[in-house]
Amino acid sequence: METIKGWKPNFFNYDFKALGITENASSESEVIGVDLSLCIGKCFDNHVVMMNEKDWYNHESANFNIIDRISRENYFSKYCGSTLLMIWSLFDVPLPVSEEAKMILLCIDSTFKGFYSPYPFPREANKKYLISYMDFPELYEVLERHKQSDFTNLIRKYNLAGKIKPKLGYLHTDIDLEALRKVFDLPFCLPKNRFYKKEEYESNARYLSKNDYRYVKKDISENMFSVALTKRDYINYSERIE
């Protein structure tokens, strides 16, 4: 987002438990979440956030699953791809030229998996979102040319499943950013500024009753800061600690 819009990464949220802020940012600065399912405020997000079709949702969230009213009721038709790829499409960023770089884009958040699913709904969703929603037929053709193991090998090669974590306020990662910079010719760099704790949150997760879709988020909490249904019957959410 800094490359596309010039927005500085002045906040960092990790594990639903704390929000960090850099010394250069005002505590009154607007927070725009990226790959963060905010319940209030602007964000780019790829999670399922609705419990059923009547559940409330954040109207300022750019999220394919909200657009299509994906909930527990039709969970397996969800957009099962990365926030990165959605942003790549929304801002009309040209796709990289090399086959490997295109494959890496499909590796993030395991976007490739829907194509190889033994079930029809994920396969249909994979094709719909890549071609019809994001206008990336080239990426779908990449999937057609490769085996699933080709993508899992790339994940290991660049450690794409690695995490970004704060250590003494500074962000660190074991993802191979140096190699990715060479593949994409893009400045994949972590902020060098120190992050200071601004707010704390209580992280919660719970299983939901199977095949009972009557309940909405407010039946669980009226004070959610962020939320994501990481499985059809499993919800993760955080609440501000006053």
C-alpha atoms as a PDB file:
ATOM      1  CA  MET A   1       0.000   0.000   0.000  1.00  0.00           C
ATOM      2  CA  GLU A   2       2.940   2.331   0.529  1.00  0.00           C
ATOM      3  CA  THR A   3       4.102   1.638  -3.041  1.00  0.00           C
ATOM      4  CA  ILE A   4       0.610   2.108  -4.496  1.00  0.00           C
ATOM      5  CA  LYS A   5      -0.848   4.897  -2.347  1.00  0.00           C
ATOM      6  CA  GLY A   6       2.047   6.313  -0.368  1.00  0.00           C
ATOM      7  CA  TRP A   7       0.428   5.263   2.907  1.00  0.00           C
ATOM      8  CA  LYS A   8       3.018   4.752   5.645  1.00  0.00           C
ATOM      9  CA  PRO A   9       2.739   1.617   7.818  1.00  0.00           C
ATOM     10  CA  ASN A  10       2.392   3.486  11.108  1.00  0.00           C
ATOM     11  CA  PHE A  11       0.357   0.815  12.907  1.00  0.00           C
ATOM     12  CA  PHE A  12       0.832  -2.897  13.403  1.00  0.00           C
ATOM     13  CA  ASN A  13      -1.630  -5.436  14.826  1.00  0.00           C
ATOM     14  CA  TYR A  14      -0.418  -8.874  15.842  1.00  0.00           C
ATOM     15  CA  ASP A  15      -2.323 -11.906  17.157  1.00  0.00           C
ATOM     16  CA  PHE A  16      -5.445  -9.820  17.878  1.00  0.00           C
ATOM     17  CA  LYS A  17      -3.818  -8.740  21.158  1.00  0.00           C
ATOM     18  CA  ALA A  18      -2.236  -5.323  20.678  1.00  0.00           C
ATOM     19  CA  LEU A  19      -2.052  -2.373  18.310  1.00  0.00           C
ATOM     20  CA  GLY A  20       1.371  -0.798  17.901  1.00  0.00           C
ATOM     21  CA  ILE A  21       2.002   2.734  16.669  1.00  0.00           C
ATOM     22  CA  THR A  22       5.199   4.401  15.456  1.00  0.00           C
ATOM     23  CA  GLU A  23       6.543   7.571  17.049  1.00  0.00           C
ATOM     24  CA  ASN A  24       5.972   9.358  13.714  1.00  0.00           C
ATOM     25  CA  ALA A  25       2.218   8.757  13.759  1.00  0.00           C
ATOM     26  CA  SER A  26      -0.385  10.744  15.605  1.00  0.00           C
ATOM     27  CA  SER A  27      -2.589   8.748  17.941  1.00  0.00           C
ATOM     28  CA  GLU A  28      -5.469  10.492  16.163  1.00  0.00           C
ATOM     29  CA  SER A  29      -4.371   9.254  12.716  1.00  0.00           C
ATOM     30  CA  GLU A  30      -6.947   7.253  10.808  1.00  0.00           C
ATOM     31  CA  VAL A  31      -6.263   3.545  10.903  1.00  0.00           C
ATOM     32  CA  ILE A  32      -6.801   1.682   7.622  1.00  0.00           C
ATOM     33  CA  GLY A  33      -6.582  -2.048   8.191  1.00  0.00           C
ATOM     34  CA  VAL A  34      -4.831  -4.219   5.609  1.00  0.00           C
ATOM     35  CA  ASP A  35      -5.601  -7.930   5.958  1.00  0.00           C
ATOM     36  CA  LEU A  36      -7.374  -7.007   9.188  1.00  0.00           C
ATOM     37  CA  SER A  37     -11.121  -7.541   9.650  1.00  0.00           C
ATOM     38  CA  LEU A  38     -12.047  -4.363  11.473  1.00  0.00           C
ATOM     39  CA  CYS A  39     -15.621  -4.166  12.723  1.00  0.00           C
ATOM     40  CA  ILE A  40     -15.585  -0.367  12.427  1.00  0.00           C
ATOM     41  CA  GLY A  41     -13.434   1.682  10.057  1.00  0.00           C
ATOM     42  CA  LYS A  42     -11.784   1.339   6.667  1.00  0.00           C
ATOM     43  CA  CYS A  43     -10.013  -1.915   5.838  1.00  0.00           C
ATOM     44  CA  PHE A  44      -9.021  -4.327   3.070  1.00  0.00           C
ATOM     45  CA  ASP A  45      -9.947  -7.819   4.111  1.00  0.00           C
ATOM     46  CA  ASN A  46     -10.443 -11.357   2.811  1.00  0.00           C
ATOM     47  CA  HIS A  47     -12.143 -13.086   5.746  1.00  0.00           C
ATOM     48  CA  VAL A  48     -15.684 -14.366   6.205  1.00  0.00           C
ATOM     49  CA  VAL A  49     -17.210 -12.034   8.805  1.00  0.00           C
ATOM     50  CA  MET A  50     -20.964 -12.738   8.651  1.00  0.00           C
ATOM     51  CA  MET A  51     -22.645 -15.436  10.746  1.00  0.00           C
ATOM     52  CA  ASN A  52     -25.718 -15.535   8.491  1.00  0.00           C
ATOM     53  CA  GLU A  53     -27.148 -13.485   5.629  1.00  0.00           C
ATOM     54  CA  LYS A  54     -28.832 -11.030   8.042  1.00  0.00           C
ATOM     55  CA  ASP A  55     -25.777 -10.438  10.206  1.00  0.00           C
ATOM     56  CA  TRP A  56     -24.321  -6.917  10.416  1.00  0.00           C
ATOM     57  CA  TYR A  57     -21.058  -6.080   8.692  1.00  0.00           C
ATOM     58  CA  ASN A  58     -18.592  -3.238   8.300  1.00  0.00           C
ATOM     59  CA  HIS A  59     -19.727  -1.084   5.364  1.00  0.00           C
ATOM     60  CA  GLU A  60     -16.226   0.390   5.036  1.00  0.00           C
ATOM     61  CA  SER A  61     -14.552  -2.966   4.460  1.00  0.00           C
ATOM     62  CA  ALA A  62     -13.320  -3.854   0.956  1.00  0.00           C
ATOM     63  CA  ASN A  63     -14.050  -7.571   1.079  1.00  0.00           C
ATOM     64  CA  PHE A  64     -15.325  -9.919  -1.642  1.00  0.00           C
ATOM     65  CA  ASN A  65     -16.992 -12.093   0.998  1.00  0.00           C
ATOM     66  CA  ILE A  66     -19.083  -9.164   2.193  1.00  0.00           C
ATOM     67  CA  ILE A  67     -20.004  -8.233  -1.384  1.00  0.00           C
ATOM     68  CA  ASP A  68     -21.269 -11.775  -1.969  1.00  0.00           C
ATOM     69  CA  ARG A  69     -22.846 -12.063   1.509  1.00  0.00           C
ATOM     70  CA  ILE A  70     -20.782 -15.120   2.332  1.00  0.00           C
ATOM     71  CA  SER A  71     -21.570 -16.441   5.793  1.00  0.00           C
ATOM     72  CA  ARG A  72     -21.666 -19.744   7.657  1.00  0.00           C
ATOM     73  CA  GLU A  73     -24.635 -20.692   5.476  1.00  0.00           C
ATOM     74  CA  ASN A  74     -22.661 -20.701   2.191  1.00  0.00           C
ATOM     75  CA  TYR A  75     -19.158 -20.792   3.665  1.00  0.00           C
ATOM     76  CA  PHE A  76     -17.549 -23.062   1.059  1.00  0.00           C
ATOM     77  CA  SER A  77     -18.368 -20.653  -1.768  1.00  0.00           C
ATOM     78  CA  LYS A  78     -16.165 -17.996  -0.132  1.00  0.00           C
ATOM     79  CA  TYR A  79     -13.314 -16.031  -1.647  1.00  0.00           C
ATOM     80  CA  CYS A  80     -10.475 -18.218  -0.462  1.00  0.00           C
ATOM     81  CA  GLY A  81      -7.610 -16.040  -1.617  1.00  0.00           C
ATOM     82  CA  SER A  82      -5.285 -13.377  -0.304  1.00  0.00           C
ATOM     83  CA  THR A  83      -5.945  -9.761   0.571  1.00  0.00           C
ATOM     84  CA  LEU A  84      -2.765  -9.031  -1.388  1.00  0.00           C
ATOM     85  CA  LEU A  85      -4.233 -10.404  -4.623  1.00  0.00           C
ATOM     86  CA  MET A  86      -7.489  -8.511  -4.103  1.00  0.00           C
ATOM     87  CA  ILE A  87      -5.542  -5.244  -3.656  1.00  0.00           C
ATOM     88  CA  TRP A  88      -3.408  -6.100  -6.714  1.00  0.00           C
ATOM     89  CA  SER A  89      -6.633  -6.244  -8.718  1.00  0.00           C
ATOM     90  CA  LEU A  90      -8.460  -3.280  -7.146  1.00  0.00           C
ATOM     91  CA  PHE A  91      -5.578  -0.911  -7.915  1.00  0.00           C
ATOM     92  CA  ASP A  92      -4.894  -2.406 -11.347  1.00  0.00           C
ATOM     93  CA  VAL A  93      -1.290  -3.321 -10.570  1.00  0.00           C
ATOM     94  CA  PRO A  94       0.241  -5.140 -13.577  1.00  0.00           C
ATOM     95  CA  LEU A  95       0.961  -8.791 -12.983  1.00  0.00           C
ATOM     96  CA  PRO A  96       4.633  -9.775 -12.897  1.00  0.00           C
ATOM     97  CA  VAL A  97       6.069 -11.257 -16.074  1.00  0.00           C
ATOM     98  CA  SER A  98       7.780 -14.365 -14.713  1.00  0.00           C
ATOM     99  CA  GLU A  99       5.928 -17.621 -14.126  1.00  0.00           C
ATOM    100  CA  GLU A 100       7.476 -18.029 -10.685  1.00  0.00           C
ATOM    101  CA  ALA A 101       6.351 -14.578  -9.527  1.00  0.00           C
ATOM    102  CA  LYS A 102       2.783 -15.327 -10.649  1.00  0.00           C
ATOM    103  CA  MET A 103       2.933 -18.618  -8.777  1.00  0.00           C
ATOM    104  CA  ILE A 104       4.122 -16.830  -5.630  1.00  0.00           C
ATOM    105  CA  LEU A 105       1.091 -14.527  -5.806  1.00  0.00           C
ATOM    106  CA  LEU A 106      -1.087 -17.646  -5.869  1.00  0.00           C
ATOM    107  CA  CYS A 107       0.805 -19.084  -2.887  1.00  0.00           C
ATOM    108  CA  ILE A 108      -0.072 -16.232  -0.521  1.00  0.00           C
ATOM    109  CA  ASP A 109      -2.861 -17.395   1.816  1.00  0.00           C
ATOM    110  CA  SER A 110      -2.941 -20.599  -0.266  1.00  0.00           C
ATOM    111  CA  THR A 111      -5.033 -19.035  -3.043  1.00  0.00           C
ATOM    112  CA  PHE A 112      -4.056 -21.967  -5.265  1.00  0.00           C
ATOM    113  CA  LYS A 113      -5.750 -24.599  -3.080  1.00  0.00           C
ATOM    114  CA  GLY A 114      -9.301 -24.019  -4.294  1.00  0.00           C
ATOM    115  CA  PHE A 115      -8.321 -25.044  -7.816  1.00  0.00           C
ATOM    116  CA  TYR A 116      -7.177 -28.481  -6.600  1.00  0.00           C
ATOM    117  CA  SER A 117     -10.033 -29.064  -4.154  1.00  0.00           C
ATOM    118  CA  PRO A 118     -11.911 -32.381  -4.486  1.00  0.00           C
ATOM    119  CA  TYR A 119     -15.142 -30.452  -3.835  1.00  0.00           C
ATOM    120  CA  PRO A 120     -17.028 -28.384  -6.441  1.00  0.00           C
ATOM    121  CA  PHE A 121     -17.790 -25.189  -4.463  1.00  0.00           C
ATOM    122  CA  PRO A 122     -14.156 -24.224  -3.757  1.00  0.00           C
ATOM    123  CA  ARG A 123     -13.186 -25.022  -7.371  1.00  0.00           C
ATOM    124  CA  GLU A 124     -16.003 -22.861  -8.740  1.00  0.00           C
ATOM    125  CA  ALA A 125     -15.169 -20.031  -6.337  1.00  0.00           C
ATOM    126  CA  ASN A 126     -11.489 -20.153  -7.274  1.00  0.00           C
ATOM    127  CA  LYS A 127     -12.329 -19.689 -10.953  1.00  0.00           C
ATOM    128  CA  LYS A 128     -15.024 -17.054 -10.349  1.00  0.00           C
ATOM    129  CA  TYR A 129     -12.890 -14.771  -8.225  1.00  0.00           C
ATOM    130  CA  LEU A 130      -9.688 -15.072 -10.255  1.00  0.00           C
ATOM    131  CA  ILE A 131     -11.332 -14.564 -13.649  1.00  0.00           C
ATOM    132  CA  SER A 132     -14.656 -12.755 -13.196  1.00  0.00           C
ATOM    133  CA  TYR A 133     -13.938 -10.604 -10.133  1.00  0.00           C
ATOM    134  CA  MET A 134     -10.217  -9.828 -10.364  1.00  0.00           C
ATOM    135  CA  ASP A 135      -9.740 -10.223 -14.128  1.00  0.00           C
ATOM    136  CA  PHE A 136      -6.725 -12.512 -13.724  1.00  0.00           C
ATOM    137  CA  PRO A 137      -7.270 -15.234 -16.342  1.00  0.00           C
ATOM    138  CA  GLU A 138      -3.468 -15.428 -16.612  1.00  0.00           C
ATOM    139  CA  LEU A 139      -3.265 -16.639 -13.028  1.00  0.00           C
ATOM    140  CA  TYR A 140      -5.935 -19.251 -13.642  1.00  0.00           C
ATOM    141  CA  GLU A 141      -3.919 -20.486 -16.610  1.00  0.00           C
ATOM    142  CA  VAL A 142      -0.883 -20.741 -14.312  1.00  0.00           C
ATOM    143  CA  LEU A 143      -2.894 -23.082 -12.095  1.00  0.00           C
ATOM    144  CA  GLU A 144      -3.800 -25.183 -15.114  1.00  0.00           C
ATOM    145  CA  ARG A 145      -0.114 -25.594 -15.974  1.00  0.00           C
ATOM    146  CA  HIS A 146       1.059 -26.787 -12.567  1.00  0.00           C
ATOM    147  CA  LYS A 147       0.619 -29.433  -9.903  1.00  0.00           C
ATOM    148  CA  GLN A 148      -0.301 -28.512  -6.349  1.00  0.00           C
ATOM    149  CA  SER A 149       3.123 -29.639  -5.177  1.00  0.00           C
ATOM    150  CA  ASP A 150       4.752 -26.959  -7.358  1.00  0.00           C
ATOM    151  CA  PHE A 151       3.142 -24.325  -5.138  1.00  0.00           C
ATOM    152  CA  THR A 152       3.920 -26.023  -1.837  1.00  0.00           C
ATOM    153  CA  ASN A 153       7.554 -26.256  -2.959  1.00  0.00           C
ATOM    154  CA  LEU A 154       7.614 -22.494  -3.563  1.00  0.00           C
ATOM    155  CA  ILE A 155       6.160 -21.860  -0.120  1.00  0.00           C
ATOM    156  CA  ARG A 156       9.072 -23.783   1.367  1.00  0.00           C
ATOM    157  CA  LYS A 157      11.616 -22.147  -0.947  1.00  0.00           C
ATOM    158  CA  TYR A 158      10.762 -18.589   0.161  1.00  0.00           C
ATOM    159  CA  ASN A 159       9.341 -19.510   3.596  1.00  0.00           C
ATOM    160  CA  LEU A 160       6.088 -17.829   2.605  1.00  0.00           C
ATOM    161  CA  ALA A 161       4.318 -19.311   5.630  1.00  0.00           C
ATOM    162  CA  GLY A 162       6.649 -17.353   7.902  1.00  0.00           C
ATOM    163  CA  LYS A 163       5.383 -14.683  10.289  1.00  0.00           C
ATOM    164  CA  ILE A 164       6.052 -10.999  10.879  1.00  0.00           C
ATOM    165  CA  LYS A 165       6.527 -10.414  14.598  1.00  0.00           C
ATOM    166  CA  PRO A 166       7.607  -7.528  16.827  1.00  0.00           C
ATOM    167  CA  LYS A 167      10.798  -7.919  18.849  1.00  0.00           C
ATOM    168  CA  LEU A 168      11.462  -5.093  21.308  1.00  0.00           C
ATOM    169  CA  GLY A 169       9.151  -2.965  19.188  1.00  0.00           C
ATOM    170  CA  TYR A 170      10.846  -3.635  15.834  1.00  0.00           C
ATOM    171  CA  LEU A 171       9.329  -5.887  13.170  1.00  0.00           C
ATOM    172  CA  HIS A 172      11.182  -9.042  12.132  1.00  0.00           C
ATOM    173  CA  THR A 173      10.356 -11.868   9.733  1.00  0.00           C
ATOM    174  CA  ASP A 174      11.824 -15.150   8.554  1.00  0.00           C
ATOM    175  CA  ILE A 175      10.150 -14.791   5.139  1.00  0.00           C
ATOM    176  CA  ASP A 176      12.883 -14.509   2.511  1.00  0.00           C
ATOM    177  CA  LEU A 177      12.212 -10.881   1.571  1.00  0.00           C
ATOM    178  CA  GLU A 178      15.596 -10.454  -0.086  1.00  0.00           C
ATOM    179  CA  ALA A 179      14.863 -13.211  -2.603  1.00  0.00           C
ATOM    180  CA  LEU A 180      11.315 -11.919  -3.167  1.00  0.00           C
ATOM    181  CA  ARG A 181      12.648  -8.442  -3.955  1.00  0.00           C
ATOM    182  CA  LYS A 182      14.710  -9.946  -6.769  1.00  0.00           C
ATOM    183  CA  VAL A 183      11.794 -11.966  -8.165  1.00  0.00           C
ATOM    184  CA  PHE A 184       9.332  -9.056  -8.176  1.00  0.00           C
ATOM    185  CA  ASP A 185      11.659  -6.047  -8.438  1.00  0.00           C
ATOM    186  CA  LEU A 186       9.566  -4.434  -5.698  1.00  0.00           C
ATOM    187  CA  PRO A 187      10.725  -2.908  -2.382  1.00  0.00           C
ATOM    188  CA  PHE A 188       9.474  -5.587   0.005  1.00  0.00           C
ATOM    189  CA  CYS A 189      10.870  -4.029   3.183  1.00  0.00           C
ATOM    190  CA  LEU A 190       9.690  -4.014   6.768  1.00  0.00           C
ATOM    191  CA  PRO A 191       9.325  -0.614   8.471  1.00  0.00           C
ATOM    192  CA  LYS A 192      12.485   0.368  10.298  1.00  0.00           C
ATOM    193  CA  ASN A 193      10.633   2.477  12.867  1.00  0.00           C
ATOM    194  CA  ARG A 194       9.956   1.220  16.364  1.00  0.00           C
ATOM    195  CA  PHE A 195       6.344   0.450  17.293  1.00  0.00           C
ATOM    196  CA  TYR A 196       4.974   1.408  20.710  1.00  0.00           C
ATOM    197  CA  LYS A 197       1.905  -0.188  22.256  1.00  0.00           C
ATOM    198  CA  LYS A 198      -1.172   1.978  21.703  1.00  0.00           C
ATOM    199  CA  GLU A 199      -4.035  -0.310  22.659  1.00  0.00           C
ATOM    200  CA  GLU A 200      -4.486  -3.790  24.063  1.00  0.00           C
ATOM    201  CA  TYR A 201      -7.120  -6.347  23.172  1.00  0.00           C
ATOM    202  CA  GLU A 202      -8.487  -9.544  24.558  1.00  0.00           C
ATOM    203  CA  SER A 203      -8.281 -12.289  21.947  1.00  0.00           C
ATOM    204  CA  ASN A 204     -11.162 -14.761  21.887  1.00  0.00           C
ATOM    205  CA  ALA A 205     -12.049 -17.856  19.892  1.00  0.00           C
ATOM    206  CA  ARG A 206     -14.890 -20.324  20.167  1.00  0.00           C
ATOM    207  CA  TYR A 207     -16.626 -23.126  18.353  1.00  0.00           C
ATOM    208  CA  LEU A 208     -20.171 -22.532  17.123  1.00  0.00           C
ATOM    209  CA  SER A 209     -23.071 -24.962  17.112  1.00  0.00           C
ATOM    210  CA  LYS A 210     -23.055 -26.958  13.892  1.00  0.00           C
ATOM    211  CA  ASN A 211     -25.987 -26.424  11.532  1.00  0.00           C
ATOM    212  CA  ASP A 212     -27.455 -23.713  13.787  1.00  0.00           C
ATOM    213  CA  TYR A 213     -27.156 -20.435  11.903  1.00  0.00           C
ATOM    214  CA  ARG A 214     -29.630 -18.330  13.890  1.00  0.00           C
ATOM    215  CA  TYR A 215     -27.047 -16.390  15.873  1.00  0.00           C
ATOM    216  CA  VAL A 216     -25.265 -13.213  14.777  1.00  0.00           C
ATOM    217  CA  LYS A 217     -22.098 -11.584  16.076  1.00  0.00           C
ATOM    218  CA  LYS A 218     -23.923  -9.391  18.605  1.00  0.00           C
ATOM    219  CA  ASP A 219     -25.149 -12.554  20.308  1.00  0.00           C
ATOM    220  CA  ILE A 220     -21.493 -13.243  21.115  1.00  0.00           C
ATOM    221  CA  SER A 221     -20.185  -9.718  21.759  1.00  0.00           C
ATOM    222  CA  GLU A 222     -21.264  -6.129  21.154  1.00  0.00           C
ATOM    223  CA  ASN A 223     -17.722  -4.829  21.542  1.00  0.00           C
ATOM    224  CA  MET A 224     -15.773  -6.555  18.766  1.00  0.00           C
ATOM    225  CA  PHE A 225     -12.744  -4.747  17.366  1.00  0.00           C
ATOM    226  CA  SER A 226     -11.905  -7.371  14.740  1.00  0.00           C
ATOM    227  CA  VAL A 227     -13.497 -10.652  13.706  1.00  0.00           C
ATOM    228  CA  ALA A 228     -12.981 -13.574  11.343  1.00  0.00           C
ATOM    229  CA  LEU A 229     -14.709 -16.902  10.822  1.00  0.00           C
ATOM    230  CA  THR A 230     -11.602 -19.004  10.209  1.00  0.00           C
ATOM    231  CA  LYS A 231     -13.765 -22.120   9.824  1.00  0.00           C
ATOM    232  CA  ARG A 232     -17.471 -22.465   9.219  1.00  0.00           C
ATOM    233  CA  ASP A 233     -18.070 -23.307  12.865  1.00  0.00           C
ATOM    234  CA  TYR A 234     -15.194 -21.386  14.476  1.00  0.00           C
ATOM    235  CA  ILE A 235     -14.940 -17.661  15.175  1.00  0.00           C
ATOM    236  CA  ASN A 236     -11.945 -15.535  16.181  1.00  0.00           C
ATOM    237  CA  TYR A 237     -12.534 -12.030  17.524  1.00  0.00           C
ATOM    238  CA  SER A 238     -10.870  -9.392  19.675  1.00  0.00           C
ATOM    239  CA  GLU A 239     -12.272  -6.831  22.094  1.00  0.00           C
ATOM    240  CA  ARG A 240     -10.681  -3.621  23.367  1.00  0.00           C
ATOM    241  CA  ILE A 241      -9.471  -3.739  26.954  1.00  0.00           C
ATOM    242  CA  GLU A 242     -10.775  -0.567  28.580  1.00  0.00           C
END
